[in-house]
Amino acid sequence: MLGVVKGFKPEALQPAGIDLSVDEVEVLDEAGVIGVSERYVPRGVKVEDKGGWWALKPGVYRIRFREIVSVPAGFVGFCFPRSSLLRMGLLLSCGVWDPGYRGRGQALLAVLNGKGVSLERGARVAQFVLARLWGPQSSEYRGVYMGEGL
């Protein structure tokens, strides 16, 4: 795992992966489009932190991680919420990170707790886990999100 994730703090190293921390929070500002021949990712508006903290009301937010992830050939990356989020009424959703992906990924944070949550910039919110692929690999990631957030 070392070398796959850059910019993490020593306490982020876990037995099964590496914790990822939040660096930016956005609210979605418009509708998205997912079609067969077209895709439009909605614009996000940054939520300003106050003294390094965000006061998030119930709702859906897009977050960007602080760490840079580079998924090596022959592996796939998964991102899971830390259990502390679940205990506080938060859900975190991530996509699959294909072999060859490199960037500061994003995730969806849903604040379901009716009272909201205070979230500090740099707080560890997800755990990144690598899994080895079996069998021949046809290709590496070359999609539109390559290098995002760098």
Protein backbone atom coordinates (compact mmCIF):
# COMPACT_ATOMS: atom_id res chain seq x y z
CA MET A 1 0.00 0.00 0.00
CA LEU A 2 2.90 2.33 0.60
CA GLY A 3 3.57 4.28 -2.57
CA VAL A 4 0.00 3.75 -3.77
CA VAL A 5 -1.35 6.53 -1.53
CA LYS A 6 0.71 9.70 -1.15
CA GLY A 7 0.32 12.40 1.47
CA PHE A 8 -1.17 10.33 4.29
CA LYS A 9 -0.24 10.66 7.96
CA PRO A 10 1.25 7.66 9.80
CA GLU A 11 -1.90 7.14 11.90
CA ALA A 12 -3.85 6.62 8.65
CA LEU A 13 -2.16 3.27 8.00
CA GLN A 14 -4.64 0.52 8.94
CA PRO A 15 -4.33 -3.30 8.95
CA ALA A 16 -6.37 -3.62 5.73
CA GLY A 17 -5.77 -0.27 4.00
CA ILE A 18 -5.09 3.43 4.35
CA ASP A 19 -7.48 6.07 5.63
CA LEU A 20 -8.33 8.96 3.33
CA SER A 21 -9.10 12.42 4.68
CA VAL A 22 -11.43 15.14 3.49
CA ASP A 23 -9.92 18.24 1.89
CA GLU A 24 -12.85 19.91 0.11
CA VAL A 25 -16.63 19.88 0.48
CA GLU A 26 -19.07 20.97 -2.25
CA VAL A 27 -22.81 21.14 -2.75
CA LEU A 28 -24.11 20.22 -6.18
CA ASP A 29 -25.36 23.32 -7.95
CA GLU A 30 -27.19 21.85 -10.94
CA ALA A 31 -28.60 18.68 -12.43
CA GLY A 32 -26.36 16.01 -13.87
CA VAL A 33 -26.84 13.94 -17.02
CA ILE A 34 -26.08 10.24 -17.41
CA GLY A 35 -27.00 8.87 -20.82
CA VAL A 36 -25.76 6.31 -23.28
CA SER A 37 -23.85 8.84 -25.38
CA GLU A 38 -23.49 11.77 -23.02
CA ARG A 39 -22.51 12.57 -19.45
CA TYR A 40 -22.53 15.84 -17.61
CA VAL A 41 -21.13 16.11 -14.09
CA PRO A 42 -22.91 18.88 -12.21
CA ARG A 43 -20.95 21.89 -11.09
CA GLY A 44 -20.18 22.03 -7.39
CA VAL A 45 -19.98 25.06 -5.15
CA LYS A 46 -17.38 24.84 -2.41
CA VAL A 47 -18.63 24.96 1.13
CA GLU A 48 -16.36 27.34 3.01
CA ASP A 49 -14.94 26.07 6.26
CA LYS A 50 -14.80 28.23 9.34
CA GLY A 51 -11.51 27.85 11.17
CA GLY A 52 -10.91 24.49 9.51
CA TRP A 53 -14.40 23.12 10.28
CA TRP A 54 -17.50 22.64 8.16
CA ALA A 55 -20.94 22.76 9.81
CA LEU A 56 -22.90 20.44 7.51
CA LYS A 57 -26.68 20.36 7.61
CA PRO A 58 -28.61 17.27 6.53
CA GLY A 59 -28.16 16.78 2.80
CA VAL A 60 -25.80 15.49 0.14
CA TYR A 61 -22.27 16.74 -0.41
CA ARG A 62 -19.45 15.90 -2.80
CA ILE A 63 -16.08 15.66 -1.10
CA ARG A 64 -12.55 15.52 -2.45
CA PHE A 65 -9.88 13.57 -0.65
CA ARG A 66 -6.59 15.11 0.38
CA GLU A 67 -4.38 12.15 -0.55
CA ILE A 68 -3.24 11.21 -4.06
CA VAL A 69 -4.06 7.62 -5.00
CA SER A 70 -2.29 5.69 -7.77
CA VAL A 71 -3.83 2.27 -8.42
CA PRO A 72 -1.17 -0.06 -9.83
CA ALA A 73 -1.71 -2.42 -12.76
CA GLY A 74 -3.19 -5.72 -11.65
CA PHE A 75 -5.11 -4.15 -8.75
CA VAL A 76 -8.45 -2.43 -8.12
CA GLY A 77 -9.20 0.08 -5.36
CA PHE A 78 -12.24 0.29 -3.13
CA CYS A 79 -13.19 3.04 -0.72
CA PHE A 80 -15.34 2.40 2.34
CA PRO A 81 -16.68 4.74 5.04
CA ARG A 82 -14.93 4.69 8.40
CA SER A 83 -17.24 3.26 11.03
CA SER A 84 -17.29 6.58 12.92
CA LEU A 85 -19.28 8.11 10.06
CA LEU A 86 -21.92 5.41 10.24
CA ARG A 87 -22.22 5.83 14.01
CA MET A 88 -22.92 9.56 13.49
CA GLY A 89 -25.58 9.14 10.82
CA LEU A 90 -23.39 9.74 7.76
CA LEU A 91 -23.03 7.67 4.60
CA LEU A 92 -20.08 7.80 2.24
CA SER A 93 -20.22 6.34 -1.27
CA CYS A 94 -17.28 5.82 -3.60
CA GLY A 95 -16.91 4.29 -7.03
CA VAL A 96 -14.50 1.53 -8.00
CA TRP A 97 -10.99 2.82 -8.71
CA ASP A 98 -9.67 1.00 -11.77
CA PRO A 99 -6.10 -0.13 -12.43
CA GLY A 100 -4.07 2.84 -13.65
CA TYR A 101 -6.27 5.51 -12.01
CA ARG A 102 -4.31 8.37 -10.47
CA GLY A 103 -5.76 11.39 -8.70
CA ARG A 104 -7.35 12.91 -5.63
CA GLY A 105 -10.65 11.09 -5.80
CA GLN A 106 -14.10 12.22 -4.85
CA ALA A 107 -16.92 10.63 -2.89
CA LEU A 108 -20.50 11.39 -2.01
CA LEU A 109 -21.20 12.24 1.63
CA ALA A 110 -24.81 12.03 2.79
CA VAL A 111 -25.56 13.65 6.13
CA LEU A 112 -28.61 11.74 7.39
CA ASN A 113 -28.33 12.87 10.99
CA GLY A 114 -31.18 15.37 11.40
CA LYS A 115 -28.97 17.55 13.60
CA GLY A 116 -26.13 17.68 11.05
CA VAL A 117 -22.42 17.22 11.74
CA SER A 118 -19.27 19.24 12.31
CA LEU A 119 -16.48 17.99 10.05
CA GLU A 120 -12.88 19.11 10.35
CA ARG A 121 -10.68 19.54 7.28
CA GLY A 122 -8.21 16.65 7.27
CA ALA A 123 -10.48 14.31 9.24
CA ARG A 124 -10.17 10.67 8.17
CA VAL A 125 -13.49 9.69 6.61
CA ALA A 126 -12.78 6.69 4.35
CA GLN A 127 -10.57 3.63 4.14
CA PHE A 128 -8.95 2.81 0.80
CA VAL A 129 -8.40 -0.90 0.17
CA LEU A 130 -6.57 -2.59 -2.71
CA ALA A 131 -7.51 -5.97 -4.15
CA ARG A 132 -5.46 -8.01 -6.59
CA LEU A 133 -7.16 -8.83 -9.90
CA TRP A 134 -7.08 -12.41 -11.12
CA GLY A 135 -6.68 -13.43 -14.71
CA PRO A 136 -5.53 -11.37 -17.67
CA GLN A 137 -6.06 -7.65 -17.47
CA SER A 138 -7.35 -6.07 -20.65
CA SER A 139 -6.46 -2.45 -20.00
CA GLU A 140 -5.81 0.32 -17.51
CA TYR A 141 -8.00 3.30 -16.72
CA ARG A 142 -7.88 6.08 -19.34
CA GLY A 143 -11.15 7.84 -18.50
CA VAL A 144 -12.07 11.47 -18.01
CA TYR A 145 -11.28 11.46 -14.29
CA MET A 146 -7.62 10.54 -14.74
CA GLY A 147 -5.51 13.03 -12.78
CA GLU A 148 -8.52 14.69 -11.14
CA GLY A 149 -7.78 17.12 -8.39
CA LEU A 150 -4.04 17.22 -9.06
